[in-house]
Amino acid sequence: MPKFEECLQRLEKIVQELEKGEVPLEKSLTLFEEGMQLSSSCRKELEQAEGKVEVLLKKNGKLQAEPFESLTEKSPARH
């Protein structure tokens, strides 16, 4: 699985390509699909990191009322 930073860089490139609007439809769909997969793996990596942060905080006995805020909380609730 690619590193988080690499995923983000690739995602930015894809967004730039799509925003230019010069890419043929077929290629746009391919880029969009790749972007969705990258986005998904970035989210998984962030959630794992969040879990590690909370575990470390608990080990130190300092889990505050404000745990590491995840990106999923900012997006609409998933049911």
Protein backbone atom coordinates (compact mmCIF):
# COMPACT_ATOMS: atom_id res chain seq x y z
CA MET A 1 0.00 0.00 0.00
CA PRO A 2 1.45 3.40 -0.96
CA LYS A 3 2.49 5.81 1.74
CA PHE A 4 0.01 8.47 2.88
CA GLU A 5 2.04 11.36 1.46
CA GLU A 6 2.37 9.61 -1.91
CA CYS A 7 -1.39 9.05 -2.00
CA LEU A 8 -2.05 12.72 -1.32
CA GLN A 9 0.39 13.88 -3.99
CA ARG A 10 -1.15 11.54 -6.56
CA LEU A 11 -4.64 12.70 -5.58
CA GLU A 12 -3.62 16.34 -6.07
CA LYS A 13 -2.26 15.53 -9.54
CA ILE A 14 -5.50 13.75 -10.47
CA VAL A 15 -7.59 16.70 -9.29
CA GLN A 16 -5.44 19.12 -11.31
CA GLU A 17 -5.80 16.95 -14.42
CA LEU A 18 -9.57 16.75 -14.04
CA GLU A 19 -9.91 20.49 -13.32
CA LYS A 20 -8.08 21.37 -16.53
CA GLY A 21 -10.93 19.71 -18.40
CA GLU A 22 -8.61 18.69 -21.24
CA VAL A 23 -8.73 14.98 -20.46
CA PRO A 24 -10.94 12.75 -22.66
CA LEU A 25 -13.99 11.29 -20.90
CA GLU A 26 -12.59 7.75 -20.84
CA LYS A 27 -9.37 8.94 -19.15
CA SER A 28 -11.38 11.16 -16.76
CA LEU A 29 -13.33 8.13 -15.57
CA THR A 30 -10.12 6.15 -15.07
CA LEU A 31 -8.54 9.02 -13.13
CA PHE A 32 -11.68 9.48 -11.04
CA GLU A 33 -11.75 5.78 -10.17
CA GLU A 34 -8.06 5.85 -9.18
CA GLY A 35 -8.74 8.96 -7.11
CA MET A 36 -11.55 7.24 -5.22
CA GLN A 37 -9.29 4.27 -4.41
CA LEU A 38 -6.49 6.57 -3.23
CA SER A 39 -8.95 8.55 -1.13
CA SER A 40 -10.19 5.35 0.48
CA SER A 41 -6.71 4.11 1.35
CA CYS A 42 -5.76 7.55 2.73
CA ARG A 43 -8.85 7.47 4.96
CA LYS A 44 -7.97 3.98 6.24
CA GLU A 45 -4.45 5.10 7.06
CA LEU A 46 -5.74 8.17 8.90
CA GLU A 47 -8.18 6.06 10.93
CA GLN A 48 -5.35 3.68 11.90
CA ALA A 49 -3.18 6.63 12.93
CA GLU A 50 -6.06 8.02 14.97
CA GLY A 51 -6.41 4.68 16.77
CA LYS A 52 -2.69 4.70 17.58
CA VAL A 53 -2.90 8.25 18.94
CA GLU A 54 -5.81 7.32 21.22
CA VAL A 55 -3.98 4.20 22.46
CA LEU A 56 -0.90 6.28 23.26
CA LEU A 57 -3.02 8.84 25.09
CA LYS A 58 -4.73 6.10 27.11
CA LYS A 59 -1.37 4.54 28.03
CA ASN A 60 -0.24 7.88 29.41
CA GLY A 61 -3.52 8.19 31.28
CA LYS A 62 -4.21 11.48 29.58
CA LEU A 63 -7.21 10.77 27.38
CA GLN A 64 -8.92 14.14 27.38
CA ALA A 65 -12.50 14.96 26.46
CA GLU A 66 -11.06 16.01 23.11
CA PRO A 67 -9.72 12.91 21.34
CA PHE A 68 -7.89 13.24 18.03
CA GLU A 69 -10.53 14.57 15.63
CA SER A 70 -11.08 12.31 12.65
CA LEU A 71 -11.96 13.37 9.13
CA THR A 72 -15.00 11.11 9.29
CA GLU A 73 -16.53 13.40 11.94
CA LYS A 74 -16.29 16.34 9.58
CA SER A 75 -18.07 14.53 6.75
CA PRO A 76 -21.81 13.75 6.86
CA ALA A 77 -22.73 10.92 9.20
CA ARG A 78 -22.45 7.46 7.70
CA HIS A 79 -25.27 5.06 8.59
